[in-house]
Structures are given as C-alpha cells and as structure tokens.
Amino acid sequence: MSTRIFSLSPLPFISPSAAEPRVFGNAAEAVDALTELYDRNTRFLIDAFGALADGAPVTGRYRACYPQVSIETTSFGHADSRLSYGHVTAPGIYTTTITRPKLFRHYLKEQLDLLMRNHNVPVTVSESTTPIPLHFAFAENAHVEASATNALADISLRDLFDTPDLNNTDDLIANGEYEQLNGEPAPLAPFTAQRIDYSLARLSHYTATSADHFQNFVLFTNYQFYIDEFAAWARTLMAKGGDGYTAFVEPGNAITPAGSDKPETPALVRMPQMPAYHLKKKGHAGITLVNIGVGPSNAKTITDHIAVLRPHAWLMVGHCAGLRNSQRLGDYVLAHAYVREDHVLDDDLPVWVPIPALAEVQQALESAVEEVTGYQGFELKRIMRTGTVATIDNRNWELRDQRGPVKRLSQSRAIALDMESATIAANGFRFRVPYGTLLCVSDRPLHGELKLPGMATAFYRSQVSQHLQIGIRAVQKLGEMPIEKLHSRKLRSFYETAFQ
C-alpha cells in the first residue's frame, strides 16, 4: 500500500494513499465502496500499531480518516409527504461520516436508496477529514494500549495515533442545536461516525454483548425477574426450532442457535451493569431485552447508546407505584403522557417539550394486553388504566414532605410513578425512535400498600410472565407494520436530517 507523508513537527503524518471521490447511482454499490474504504483505513491503523508493537521504529504519526457519503441537490425536490425521512428540505450539499458499514449495511442501503429516488441524484463516496481513533479501528473489547505497553513504553499512544475526540462526539445534530457555518455541508445523518463508534464501544461495555446482536425492537425492564422469564422462554423456543427466530444471545455473546438447547459457549457468570439478551431474527427484526436496573441515569445512558443503531421502536415494561385508590397490585398502566422529574435530560430536552403518545405504539400495546389477558373493550378497564406516568429521580420520595410531591402528582393527574419511563420516552423523542410504556403496579405507597418480602415473591411469580408476553406481543405487532408508518412524522422537527 502506498502512503503519504506530511511534514509536521515533531513527527510527520503517515496516511494511506489518497482515495479519489466516486459517484454512484446505486445504493448497494455505494455501500460496497464505503465498506472498502473503511476496511482499508482501519486495516492501515491496525497494521501500523502491530508493527510498532513488534518493535518497528517510530518514524511518524499515523492517521487514517473515516469515509463519508454526500449528496448535492439544486432544487426543492417534492418528496412523498407521508414519509418522515429519506429527503432533504432545501437545495445544497449534505454529508455524513460513516463507520462500521458492514454493521449498518441494510440501514445505509435503505437511506441512500430513498434519497436517490426522492431527489433523482447520485451519491458521492469519499474520504473525510475526520480521523479514525485507533481505539475504534480495533474490534470490540480489544485492549489496545495494554497489548503494547512494553514496546511503546517511552512514547504516548496519543503522540502516534488519533484518539477519541469529544469535539466530534456530541449530540448537537440530534438535539437540533447544530449551527451550520457558511460554506459547510449540512448534516445528512443524526450522528457522526465518531459519535457512533463511541456508543458501540459503550454498548459492549454496559451490556456484554456485541452491537451486531442488537435487534430493531427493544424492550427495557427494571427487574431481573423479566430477564429470567425471557431467557427461559427463549431457550425453550430455541430447543423447539425457533419459530422464526434464528438464535438467542446472552451476555458474553453466548449464542444458542435455533434447534439447540444450550449455548455454543458459556454465558457470563458475573453480569455487566445492564445485561442485554437478544432473540434474533433475520434482518435484525427480532427482540432485544435490556435490564437497565433502577434509576433515570441508567435509562438515559443505555438509550443514548442504543439510539445510534437506529432501532424501529423501544418500549418500557417494568414495575411502578400505583397512585390511585382504584388500582390493584398487578394492574397495568399504559402511559399516554409523562411528568418529567428525572432531570437527566434537562440540558438536552427542556421539560417544557411535550412527549406525545404515538398512536401506532399505543394501539399495539393495548391490543397486546387484550390478546394476552382476554379482556376486551370496556372490560379492559378492570385491569388497565391509560394516563400520565411520573418519573422521579429520588427513589425515597415518600420520605419527603408529602404536601410537595403528592400535590404535584395530583395536579398532573398522574396514575403511576417510576424512575425510568419518562427518560426512555423522552430520549426516544429526542432521537426519533418510536417509544411506549406499559407498566405493572407493584405497590401503592400513597395507600399504605407496600410489598413485604413474601408478597413480592408471589406477585412477581404471578405477573411477570403475563406482562413480558404482552411486551413481546406488542413488539411483534409493531414489527408487522410498514416501517414508514411506524417512524412517525410527530418526531421530526423543522430542519431534519435525511437519514432516519
């Protein structure tokens, strides 16, 4: 491979040979070119690091850049107004850097194909000026610096390679705060390549599973009981042949293929902070379940990172405090509004921004409750209420002066309270990922009905299975919808990126 050497004190830059821009009228061919360029540049960095680790002399600073894809329009094309994405709002040049094109191949093909059809223009694949950090060039879980400690003991890794740059890992585009400078291209996608790479690395760390295994329909829960039930159901499903699902993946990337009754490699014994389980289906059309634990911080953290995978929907299925005297333990709450006192998103999404209920998701959840419980129509009100869910960041809110929180809950007409649902919904709104919430009442603190240990065990045993099956059935229903219908225009702002 030929290289370019740029004089720059104290060390010259050494990079792969320049890649000429290429124009494509076919989305698949464009993605192939992005993959070729990305693979070449990451391989350059990996080979350079390997050579240095093996004792090669230091002769320069190594740099390779992300590929990028661009379009240019000269007119206000008239796109199908029913679509929420796949078109730009005005003439101009639009571009985005690309990472992991093999992982995102189907997504990229879909986005580029829509753009080319809606605007009747080709796309250009070229090399960007954004360096690929060495850490992100390696495969997931690679301990890059530790593997070469002895060979590179006398020089900092950052003096030889680019490392992650927080200036390129923000959420300005997704937050609607990006300010385009005169002469600069407009963003084509909600996330830059380095922002995506950062989240892919975090996903592996927090969930102990590879990003490759995540599915397009995600369930979040705040109790391990749901994980245990899901894993048992999935293993039984695999042993019976899968029923359309191809594999079940547990933390540690332990894969049980359809037709087998045990994973090919042992699952982890020590769980990560937010373990993820994946019931896979062709085209990433299966179900991912993540135990986010308790609290809005975890809820924000994991959705910040899963969002870069551009899932089709995520739902919260967990437990909550029932706030009304008419509710009973085990009743369901379908959220149609949220009181946001979690505070973790206040800087990204002001609390005055309403988080609307999405009709497609609400209908799928209500239909799933009817189907699994057998209650229909007016009778459904016996076990489920639709209303406002409040999310708070103080787990012991009951110990505060009751005139404060109770008054606010009453004024908001809240029917349930938890610590995660509004955060997940708000981040879905922020990142344009369809969202929904179905909670199960596990205690009623305002009415003196707290769970005792024996009561809690009996409650979980009787309700978790039914609640989980409702969540699974709901995402299956969402998966049967046309994707263009599921990705609602409600989630799009005045000036949106073309990529979903």
Protein backbone atom coordinates (compact mmCIF):
# COMPACT_ATOMS: atom_id res chain seq x y z
CA MET A 1 0.00 0.00 0.00
CA SER A 2 1.44 3.39 -0.95
CA THR A 3 1.50 6.04 1.77
CA ARG A 4 1.59 9.82 2.06
CA ILE A 5 3.98 11.54 4.48
CA PHE A 6 3.17 15.06 5.67
CA SER A 7 5.81 17.13 7.42
CA LEU A 8 4.56 18.23 10.82
CA SER A 9 6.70 18.79 13.86
CA PRO A 10 7.66 16.82 15.83
CA LEU A 11 6.60 13.79 13.72
CA PRO A 12 5.32 13.65 10.14
CA PHE A 13 1.87 12.23 9.45
CA ILE A 14 1.79 8.89 7.66
CA SER A 15 -1.53 8.02 5.98
CA PRO A 16 -2.93 5.65 3.34
CA SER A 17 -2.77 6.83 -0.25
CA ALA A 18 -5.47 9.38 -1.14
CA ALA A 19 -8.83 7.90 -2.17
CA GLU A 20 -10.50 9.67 -5.07
CA PRO A 21 -14.22 10.51 -4.72
CA ARG A 22 -16.55 8.09 -6.50
CA VAL A 23 -20.09 8.78 -7.72
CA PHE A 24 -22.82 6.11 -7.58
CA GLY A 25 -26.37 5.79 -8.81
CA ASN A 26 -26.89 2.51 -6.98
CA ALA A 27 -27.18 2.35 -3.18
CA ALA A 28 -25.69 -1.14 -2.82
CA GLU A 29 -22.63 -0.18 -4.85
CA ALA A 30 -22.19 2.97 -2.75
CA VAL A 31 -22.26 0.93 0.46
CA ASP A 32 -19.74 -1.50 -1.04
CA ALA A 33 -17.42 1.45 -1.71
CA LEU A 34 -17.89 2.78 1.83
CA THR A 35 -17.05 -0.67 3.20
CA GLU A 36 -13.94 -0.98 1.02
CA LEU A 37 -12.64 2.42 2.12
CA TYR A 38 -13.43 1.88 5.80
CA ASP A 39 -11.80 -1.57 5.83
CA ARG A 40 -8.70 -0.21 4.10
CA ASN A 41 -8.24 2.67 6.53
CA THR A 42 -8.87 0.69 9.71
CA ARG A 43 -6.54 -2.05 8.49
CA PHE A 44 -3.85 0.60 7.93
CA LEU A 45 -4.10 1.70 11.57
CA ILE A 46 -4.18 -1.83 12.94
CA ASP A 47 -1.16 -2.89 10.86
CA ALA A 48 0.78 0.20 11.89
CA PHE A 49 0.07 -0.44 15.55
CA GLY A 50 1.00 -4.10 15.17
CA ALA A 51 4.31 -3.19 13.56
CA LEU A 52 5.17 -0.78 16.37
CA ALA A 53 4.20 -3.34 19.00
CA ASP A 54 6.57 -5.79 17.30
CA GLY A 55 9.45 -3.34 17.63
CA ALA A 56 9.36 -1.33 14.39
CA PRO A 57 11.00 2.12 14.71
CA VAL A 58 8.80 5.18 15.20
CA THR A 59 9.04 7.25 12.01
CA GLY A 60 5.85 9.29 12.10
CA ARG A 61 2.34 9.81 13.39
CA TYR A 62 -0.26 7.50 11.83
CA ARG A 63 -3.61 8.83 10.64
CA ALA A 64 -6.49 7.46 8.59
CA CYS A 65 -9.91 9.06 8.18
CA TYR A 66 -13.50 7.88 8.11
CA PRO A 67 -15.25 7.51 4.75
CA GLN A 68 -18.14 9.85 4.06
CA VAL A 69 -21.17 9.90 1.77
CA SER A 70 -22.65 13.06 0.25
CA ILE A 71 -25.44 14.27 -1.98
CA GLU A 72 -26.00 17.59 -3.74
CA THR A 73 -29.40 18.91 -4.73
CA THR A 74 -30.06 22.05 -6.76
CA SER A 75 -33.83 22.27 -6.38
CA PHE A 76 -36.60 21.78 -3.85
CA GLY A 77 -37.49 18.22 -4.77
CA HIS A 78 -41.05 17.16 -3.98
CA ALA A 79 -40.75 14.07 -1.81
CA ASP A 80 -43.65 11.89 -0.68
CA SER A 81 -45.16 13.98 2.14
CA ARG A 82 -46.20 10.81 4.00
CA LEU A 83 -42.56 9.94 4.70
CA SER A 84 -40.81 11.20 7.82
CA TYR A 85 -37.31 10.66 6.38
CA GLY A 86 -35.47 9.97 3.12
CA HIS A 87 -35.40 13.53 1.80
CA VAL A 88 -33.73 16.90 2.45
CA THR A 89 -35.58 20.16 2.99
CA ALA A 90 -33.67 22.52 0.67
CA PRO A 91 -31.06 22.64 -2.11
CA GLY A 92 -27.47 22.21 -1.01
CA ILE A 93 -24.71 19.76 -0.19
CA TYR A 94 -25.35 17.22 2.57
CA THR A 95 -22.82 14.81 4.02
CA THR A 96 -22.11 12.42 6.91
CA THR A 97 -19.14 10.37 8.03
CA ILE A 98 -19.62 6.60 8.10
CA THR A 99 -18.38 3.88 10.43
CA ARG A 100 -18.93 0.12 10.58
CA PRO A 101 -20.65 -0.05 7.15
CA LYS A 102 -20.99 -3.84 7.40
CA LEU A 103 -23.00 -3.50 10.60
CA PHE A 104 -25.16 -0.75 9.10
CA ARG A 105 -25.34 -2.13 5.56
CA HIS A 106 -29.14 -2.61 5.39
CA TYR A 107 -29.76 0.77 7.05
CA LEU A 108 -27.38 2.62 4.72
CA LYS A 109 -28.80 0.99 1.60
CA GLU A 110 -32.33 1.96 2.62
CA GLN A 111 -31.42 5.57 3.44
CA LEU A 112 -29.36 6.13 0.30
CA ASP A 113 -31.88 4.47 -1.97
CA LEU A 114 -34.67 6.73 -0.66
CA LEU A 115 -32.52 9.82 -1.15
CA MET A 116 -31.60 8.94 -4.72
CA ARG A 117 -35.20 8.13 -5.64
CA ASN A 118 -36.74 11.15 -3.93
CA HIS A 119 -34.28 13.68 -5.37
CA ASN A 120 -33.15 11.89 -8.54
CA VAL A 121 -29.47 12.49 -7.72
CA PRO A 122 -26.43 10.22 -7.29
CA VAL A 123 -24.37 9.92 -4.08
CA THR A 124 -20.66 10.55 -3.71
CA VAL A 125 -18.39 8.35 -1.59
CA SER A 126 -15.14 9.95 -0.50
CA GLU A 127 -12.62 10.22 2.32
CA SER A 128 -13.49 12.66 5.09
CA THR A 129 -11.11 14.78 7.12
CA THR A 130 -12.25 13.22 10.43
CA PRO A 131 -9.56 10.89 11.80
CA ILE A 132 -10.46 7.37 12.97
CA PRO A 133 -9.30 6.93 16.59
CA LEU A 134 -7.09 3.90 16.96
CA HIS A 135 -9.34 2.51 19.70
CA PHE A 136 -12.31 2.41 17.30
CA ALA A 137 -10.33 0.79 14.47
CA PHE A 138 -9.93 -2.35 16.54
CA ALA A 139 -12.63 -4.92 17.13
CA GLU A 140 -14.86 -4.62 20.19
CA ASN A 141 -13.29 -5.45 23.57
CA ALA A 142 -9.72 -5.15 22.26
CA HIS A 143 -7.35 -3.89 24.98
CA VAL A 144 -5.31 -1.76 22.62
CA GLU A 145 -2.95 0.10 24.91
CA ALA A 146 -2.28 -2.80 27.28
CA SER A 147 -1.15 -5.10 24.47
CA ALA A 148 1.79 -2.87 23.54
CA THR A 149 2.85 -1.42 26.89
CA ASN A 150 6.38 -2.73 26.72
CA ALA A 151 7.04 -1.87 23.07
CA LEU A 152 5.72 1.69 23.37
CA ALA A 153 6.73 2.42 26.95
CA ASP A 154 8.76 5.51 26.06
CA ILE A 155 6.13 7.33 23.97
CA SER A 156 2.48 8.15 24.50
CA LEU A 157 -0.01 6.41 22.23
CA ARG A 158 -1.60 9.80 21.58
CA ASP A 159 1.64 11.01 20.05
CA LEU A 160 1.44 8.26 17.44
CA PHE A 161 -2.27 7.80 16.70
CA ASP A 162 -5.50 9.75 16.90
CA THR A 163 -7.59 9.01 19.99
CA PRO A 164 -11.29 9.74 20.66
CA ASP A 165 -12.07 13.46 20.41
CA LEU A 166 -15.03 14.73 22.41
CA ASN A 167 -15.40 17.61 19.92
CA ASN A 168 -16.69 15.01 17.45
CA THR A 169 -18.90 13.00 19.81
CA ASP A 170 -21.66 15.42 20.76
CA ASP A 171 -25.42 15.32 20.14
CA LEU A 172 -25.79 18.78 18.60
CA ILE A 173 -27.43 17.42 15.44
CA ALA A 174 -29.94 15.20 17.25
CA ASN A 175 -30.71 17.97 19.76
CA GLY A 176 -31.43 20.47 16.98
CA GLU A 177 -28.58 22.70 18.19
CA TYR A 178 -26.14 22.24 15.30
CA GLU A 179 -25.22 25.53 13.63
CA GLN A 180 -24.07 25.18 10.03
CA LEU A 181 -21.26 27.50 9.06
CA ASN A 182 -21.28 29.29 5.71
CA GLY A 183 -19.81 27.08 3.02
CA GLU A 184 -20.03 23.90 5.08
CA PRO A 185 -22.20 20.94 4.01
CA ALA A 186 -25.34 20.28 6.03
CA PRO A 187 -25.56 17.08 8.12
CA LEU A 188 -27.09 14.09 6.37
CA ALA A 189 -27.48 11.88 9.47
CA PRO A 190 -28.24 12.50 13.16
CA PHE A 191 -24.92 11.05 14.38
CA THR A 192 -21.33 11.41 13.21
CA ALA A 193 -19.12 8.36 12.77
CA GLN A 194 -17.09 9.00 15.91
CA ARG A 195 -20.26 9.53 17.99
CA ILE A 196 -21.50 6.15 16.73
CA ASP A 197 -18.19 4.42 17.46
CA TYR A 198 -18.21 5.82 20.98
CA SER A 199 -21.66 4.35 21.62
CA LEU A 200 -20.84 0.99 20.06
CA ALA A 201 -17.91 0.66 22.45
CA ARG A 202 -20.11 1.69 25.40
CA LEU A 203 -22.81 -0.81 24.42
CA SER A 204 -20.34 -3.66 24.57
CA HIS A 205 -19.11 -2.43 27.96
CA TYR A 206 -22.52 -1.97 29.59
CA THR A 207 -24.37 -4.97 28.12
CA ALA A 208 -21.57 -7.52 27.48
CA THR A 209 -22.95 -8.22 24.02
CA SER A 210 -21.78 -7.08 20.60
CA ALA A 211 -23.68 -4.39 18.71
CA ASP A 212 -24.10 -6.95 15.92
CA HIS A 213 -26.62 -8.82 18.07
CA PHE A 214 -28.94 -5.92 18.88
CA GLN A 215 -32.35 -6.16 17.27
CA ASN A 216 -34.61 -3.42 15.90
CA PHE A 217 -37.24 -3.87 18.61
CA VAL A 218 -36.02 -3.23 22.16
CA LEU A 219 -37.68 -3.88 25.50
CA PHE A 220 -36.36 -2.26 28.67
CA THR A 221 -37.13 -3.54 32.14
CA ASN A 222 -36.13 -2.59 35.67
CA TYR A 223 -36.33 -6.06 37.26
CA GLN A 224 -34.28 -9.23 36.85
CA PHE A 225 -37.45 -11.32 37.04
CA TYR A 226 -38.28 -10.27 33.49
CA ILE A 227 -34.84 -11.33 32.29
CA ASP A 228 -35.16 -14.75 33.89
CA GLU A 229 -38.58 -15.28 32.31
CA PHE A 230 -37.40 -14.05 28.89
CA ALA A 231 -34.32 -16.27 28.94
CA ALA A 232 -36.31 -19.37 29.91
CA TRP A 233 -38.90 -18.69 27.20
CA ALA A 234 -36.21 -18.02 24.57
CA ARG A 235 -34.26 -21.17 25.40
CA THR A 236 -37.41 -23.27 25.12
CA LEU A 237 -38.16 -21.58 21.80
CA MET A 238 -34.68 -22.37 20.50
CA ALA A 239 -34.94 -26.02 21.57
CA LYS A 240 -38.19 -26.31 19.59
CA GLY A 241 -36.67 -24.88 16.42
CA GLY A 242 -37.00 -21.12 16.92
CA ASP A 243 -40.45 -20.44 15.40
CA GLY A 244 -38.92 -17.90 13.00
CA TYR A 245 -36.20 -16.72 15.37
CA THR A 246 -32.67 -17.79 14.45
CA ALA A 247 -30.70 -17.56 17.72
CA PHE A 248 -30.75 -16.45 21.34
CA VAL A 249 -27.76 -14.43 22.56
CA GLU A 250 -26.87 -13.90 26.24
CA PRO A 251 -24.21 -11.69 27.88
CA GLY A 252 -20.73 -12.74 26.87
CA ASN A 253 -22.07 -13.27 23.31
CA ALA A 254 -23.16 -16.78 24.26
CA ILE A 255 -25.20 -17.93 21.25
CA THR A 256 -27.84 -20.63 21.30
CA PRO A 257 -28.85 -21.32 17.67
CA ALA A 258 -32.33 -22.42 16.72
CA GLY A 259 -32.62 -26.17 17.13
CA SER A 260 -30.23 -26.29 20.08
CA ASP A 261 -30.92 -26.44 23.82
CA LYS A 262 -27.70 -24.80 25.06
CA PRO A 263 -25.30 -22.01 24.04
CA GLU A 264 -22.23 -22.73 21.95
CA THR A 265 -20.07 -21.00 24.56
CA PRO A 266 -20.85 -20.49 28.26
CA ALA A 267 -22.71 -17.35 29.29
CA LEU A 268 -21.13 -14.92 31.72
CA VAL A 269 -21.23 -15.71 35.41
CA ARG A 270 -20.60 -12.13 36.52
CA MET A 271 -23.15 -9.85 34.87
CA PRO A 272 -22.39 -6.38 33.45
CA GLN A 273 -24.17 -3.24 34.64
CA MET A 274 -27.05 -3.55 32.15
CA PRO A 275 -27.10 -7.05 30.65
CA ALA A 276 -28.77 -7.47 27.26
CA TYR A 277 -30.44 -10.54 25.76
CA HIS A 278 -31.23 -10.88 22.08
CA LEU A 279 -33.78 -13.10 20.38
CA LYS A 280 -32.55 -12.77 16.83
CA LYS A 281 -34.44 -12.81 13.59
CA LYS A 282 -33.27 -12.23 10.02
CA GLY A 283 -32.75 -8.55 9.22
CA HIS A 284 -32.41 -7.64 12.91
CA ALA A 285 -36.19 -7.98 13.15
CA GLY A 286 -36.12 -9.79 16.49
CA ILE A 287 -36.30 -8.63 20.11
CA THR A 288 -33.64 -7.27 22.46
CA LEU A 289 -34.37 -7.12 26.21
CA VAL A 290 -32.17 -4.99 28.48
CA ASN A 291 -32.25 -4.92 32.27
CA ILE A 292 -31.50 -1.25 32.95
CA GLY A 293 -31.79 -1.58 36.71
CA VAL A 294 -33.22 1.27 38.77
CA GLY A 295 -32.94 4.97 38.00
CA PRO A 296 -33.07 7.56 35.22
CA SER A 297 -29.28 7.75 34.85
CA ASN A 298 -29.10 4.15 33.60
CA ALA A 299 -32.14 4.73 31.40
CA LYS A 300 -30.52 7.72 29.71
CA THR A 301 -27.12 6.07 29.40
CA ILE A 302 -28.31 2.96 27.60
CA THR A 303 -30.75 4.74 25.29
CA ASP A 304 -28.06 7.30 24.38
CA HIS A 305 -26.04 4.39 23.00
CA ILE A 306 -28.72 2.12 21.53
CA ALA A 307 -30.06 5.12 19.59
CA VAL A 308 -27.09 5.05 17.19
CA LEU A 309 -28.26 1.63 15.96
CA ARG A 310 -31.47 3.34 14.74
CA PRO A 311 -33.95 0.79 16.15
CA HIS A 312 -37.55 0.82 14.95
CA ALA A 313 -39.06 1.04 18.45
CA TRP A 314 -38.29 0.70 22.15
CA LEU A 315 -40.71 0.03 24.98
CA MET A 316 -40.51 0.13 28.77
CA VAL A 317 -42.06 -2.87 30.55
CA GLY A 318 -41.40 -2.61 34.24
CA HIS A 319 -42.93 -2.02 37.64
CA CYS A 320 -44.39 1.16 39.07
CA ALA A 321 -46.15 2.61 42.09
CA GLY A 322 -49.89 2.90 41.54
CA LEU A 323 -51.19 6.30 42.68
CA ARG A 324 -54.96 5.76 42.57
CA ASN A 325 -57.15 4.07 45.14
CA SER A 326 -58.98 2.15 42.40
CA GLN A 327 -55.81 0.39 41.26
CA ARG A 328 -54.80 -3.05 42.46
CA LEU A 329 -51.46 -4.81 42.52
CA GLY A 330 -50.91 -6.39 39.12
CA ASP A 331 -52.94 -3.80 37.19
CA TYR A 332 -51.40 -2.33 34.05
CA VAL A 333 -50.66 1.31 33.22
CA LEU A 334 -50.42 2.42 29.60
CA ALA A 335 -48.65 5.78 29.59
CA HIS A 336 -50.04 8.47 27.32
CA ALA A 337 -48.18 11.39 28.94
CA TYR A 338 -45.23 11.90 31.28
CA VAL A 339 -44.29 14.12 34.20
CA ARG A 340 -40.54 14.50 33.90
CA GLU A 341 -38.84 14.96 37.25
CA ASP A 342 -35.90 12.72 36.37
CA HIS A 343 -33.71 15.75 35.45
CA VAL A 344 -31.09 13.77 33.49
CA LEU A 345 -32.29 15.16 30.16
CA ASP A 346 -32.98 18.73 31.21
CA ASP A 347 -29.93 20.08 29.33
CA ASP A 348 -30.76 18.14 26.15
CA LEU A 349 -34.55 18.32 26.07
CA PRO A 350 -36.21 21.08 28.13
CA VAL A 351 -39.04 19.95 30.39
CA TRP A 352 -41.48 22.24 28.56
CA VAL A 353 -41.18 20.00 25.48
CA PRO A 354 -44.22 17.67 25.39
CA ILE A 355 -43.58 13.98 24.82
CA PRO A 356 -46.59 12.86 22.75
CA ALA A 357 -48.12 9.40 22.74
CA LEU A 358 -47.59 7.63 19.41
CA ALA A 359 -50.79 6.12 18.08
CA GLU A 360 -49.15 3.11 16.43
CA VAL A 361 -47.33 2.12 19.62
CA GLN A 362 -50.33 2.76 21.89
CA GLN A 363 -52.59 0.63 19.71
CA ALA A 364 -50.06 -2.21 19.60
CA LEU A 365 -49.70 -2.21 23.39
CA GLU A 366 -53.44 -2.08 24.09
CA SER A 367 -54.12 -4.78 21.51
CA ALA A 368 -51.42 -6.98 23.09
CA VAL A 369 -52.97 -6.56 26.56
CA GLU A 370 -56.36 -7.60 25.19
CA GLU A 371 -54.89 -10.58 23.37
CA VAL A 372 -52.84 -11.92 26.29
CA THR A 373 -55.29 -11.23 29.15
CA GLY A 374 -58.53 -11.98 27.32
CA TYR A 375 -60.17 -8.71 28.44
CA GLN A 376 -61.84 -6.77 25.63
CA GLY A 377 -63.24 -3.27 25.18
CA PHE A 378 -64.80 -1.73 28.29
CA GLU A 379 -63.86 -4.79 30.36
CA LEU A 380 -60.19 -3.96 29.80
CA LYS A 381 -60.61 -1.06 32.23
CA ARG A 382 -60.79 -3.61 35.04
CA ILE A 383 -57.07 -4.30 34.78
CA MET A 384 -55.57 -1.36 32.84
CA ARG A 385 -55.61 2.41 33.02
CA THR A 386 -54.34 4.85 30.42
CA GLY A 387 -52.92 8.05 31.82
CA THR A 388 -49.93 10.08 32.95
CA VAL A 389 -46.83 8.42 34.36
CA ALA A 390 -44.48 10.46 36.55
CA THR A 391 -40.78 9.69 36.61
CA ILE A 392 -38.69 10.92 39.52
CA ASP A 393 -35.00 10.78 40.41
CA ASN A 394 -35.50 10.29 44.16
CA ARG A 395 -36.27 6.66 45.00
CA ASN A 396 -37.29 7.63 48.51
CA TRP A 397 -39.67 10.40 47.51
CA GLU A 398 -42.18 9.06 50.03
CA LEU A 399 -39.96 10.34 52.84
CA ARG A 400 -40.26 13.96 51.70
CA ASP A 401 -42.91 16.37 52.97
CA GLN A 402 -45.99 14.84 51.34
CA ARG A 403 -47.53 18.23 50.53
CA GLY A 404 -44.92 18.71 47.79
CA PRO A 405 -44.73 15.59 45.63
CA VAL A 406 -48.28 14.41 46.30
CA LYS A 407 -49.75 17.77 45.32
CA ARG A 408 -47.79 17.84 42.06
CA LEU A 409 -48.75 14.25 41.25
CA SER A 410 -52.41 15.05 41.83
CA GLN A 411 -52.32 18.24 39.77
CA SER A 412 -50.71 16.37 36.87
CA ARG A 413 -53.41 13.65 37.03
CA ALA A 414 -50.64 11.05 37.31
CA ILE A 415 -51.76 7.48 37.82
CA ALA A 416 -48.34 5.87 38.31
CA LEU A 417 -44.79 6.73 39.30
CA ASP A 418 -41.45 5.14 38.45
CA MET A 419 -37.83 6.13 37.83
CA GLU A 420 -37.21 5.25 34.17
CA SER A 421 -40.21 5.51 31.85
CA ALA A 422 -40.21 9.25 31.09
CA THR A 423 -36.46 9.14 30.48
CA ILE A 424 -36.81 6.36 27.93
CA ALA A 425 -39.75 8.06 26.23
CA ALA A 426 -38.01 11.46 26.19
CA ASN A 427 -34.84 10.00 24.70
CA GLY A 428 -36.95 8.21 22.12
CA PHE A 429 -38.48 11.58 21.23
CA ARG A 430 -35.04 13.23 21.16
CA PHE A 431 -33.50 10.57 18.94
CA ARG A 432 -36.60 9.95 16.74
CA VAL A 433 -37.06 6.38 17.98
CA PRO A 434 -40.73 5.36 18.45
CA TYR A 435 -41.37 4.69 22.15
CA GLY A 436 -44.03 3.47 24.54
CA THR A 437 -44.59 2.41 28.15
CA LEU A 438 -46.63 -0.37 29.75
CA LEU A 439 -46.07 -0.69 33.50
CA CYS A 440 -47.37 -3.09 36.12
CA VAL A 441 -48.48 -1.80 39.53
CA SER A 442 -46.31 -3.49 42.17
CA ASP A 443 -47.14 -1.32 45.19
CA ARG A 444 -49.35 1.59 46.25
CA PRO A 445 -47.33 3.73 48.67
CA LEU A 446 -49.93 6.52 48.95
CA HIS A 447 -52.42 3.98 50.26
CA GLY A 448 -50.14 2.13 52.66
CA GLU A 449 -49.84 -0.93 50.42
CA LEU A 450 -46.14 -1.76 50.39
CA LYS A 451 -44.70 -5.07 49.27
CA LEU A 452 -43.46 -7.37 52.03
CA PRO A 453 -40.86 -9.97 51.02
CA GLY A 454 -43.29 -12.89 50.75
CA MET A 455 -45.92 -10.80 48.99
CA ALA A 456 -43.32 -9.54 46.49
CA THR A 457 -42.19 -13.02 45.54
CA ALA A 458 -45.74 -14.21 44.96
CA PHE A 459 -46.58 -11.09 42.97
CA TYR A 460 -43.58 -11.37 40.69
CA ARG A 461 -44.19 -15.06 40.09
CA SER A 462 -47.79 -14.48 39.00
CA GLN A 463 -47.45 -11.26 36.98
CA VAL A 464 -44.05 -11.20 35.30
CA SER A 465 -44.79 -13.92 32.75
CA GLN A 466 -48.02 -12.29 31.58
CA HIS A 467 -46.52 -8.80 31.45
CA LEU A 468 -43.50 -9.98 29.49
CA GLN A 469 -45.67 -11.83 26.98
CA ILE A 470 -47.66 -8.64 26.47
CA GLY A 471 -44.45 -6.72 25.74
CA ILE A 472 -43.24 -9.40 23.34
CA ARG A 473 -46.57 -9.50 21.53
CA ALA A 474 -46.61 -5.70 21.28
CA VAL A 475 -43.24 -5.51 19.54
CA GLN A 476 -44.23 -8.38 17.27
CA LYS A 477 -47.26 -6.33 16.24
CA LEU A 478 -45.04 -3.32 15.62
CA GLY A 479 -42.78 -5.49 13.51
CA GLU A 480 -45.72 -6.40 11.30
CA MET A 481 -46.32 -2.71 10.44
CA PRO A 482 -44.73 -0.98 7.45
CA ILE A 483 -41.63 0.76 8.77
CA GLU A 484 -42.62 4.01 7.05
CA LYS A 485 -45.79 4.05 9.15
CA LEU A 486 -44.04 3.27 12.41
CA HIS A 487 -41.48 6.07 12.10
CA SER A 488 -43.89 8.88 12.83
CA ARG A 489 -43.67 12.43 11.47
CA LYS A 490 -44.53 13.55 15.00
CA LEU A 491 -40.88 13.05 15.93
CA ARG A 492 -39.45 15.27 13.21
CA SER A 493 -38.52 18.93 13.73
CA PHE A 494 -38.48 21.80 11.21
CA TYR A 495 -35.00 21.03 9.90
CA GLU A 496 -34.29 17.32 9.90
CA THR A 497 -31.53 15.10 8.63
CA ALA A 498 -32.47 12.91 5.69
CA PHE A 499 -31.38 9.73 7.42
CA GLN A 500 -33.90 8.24 9.83
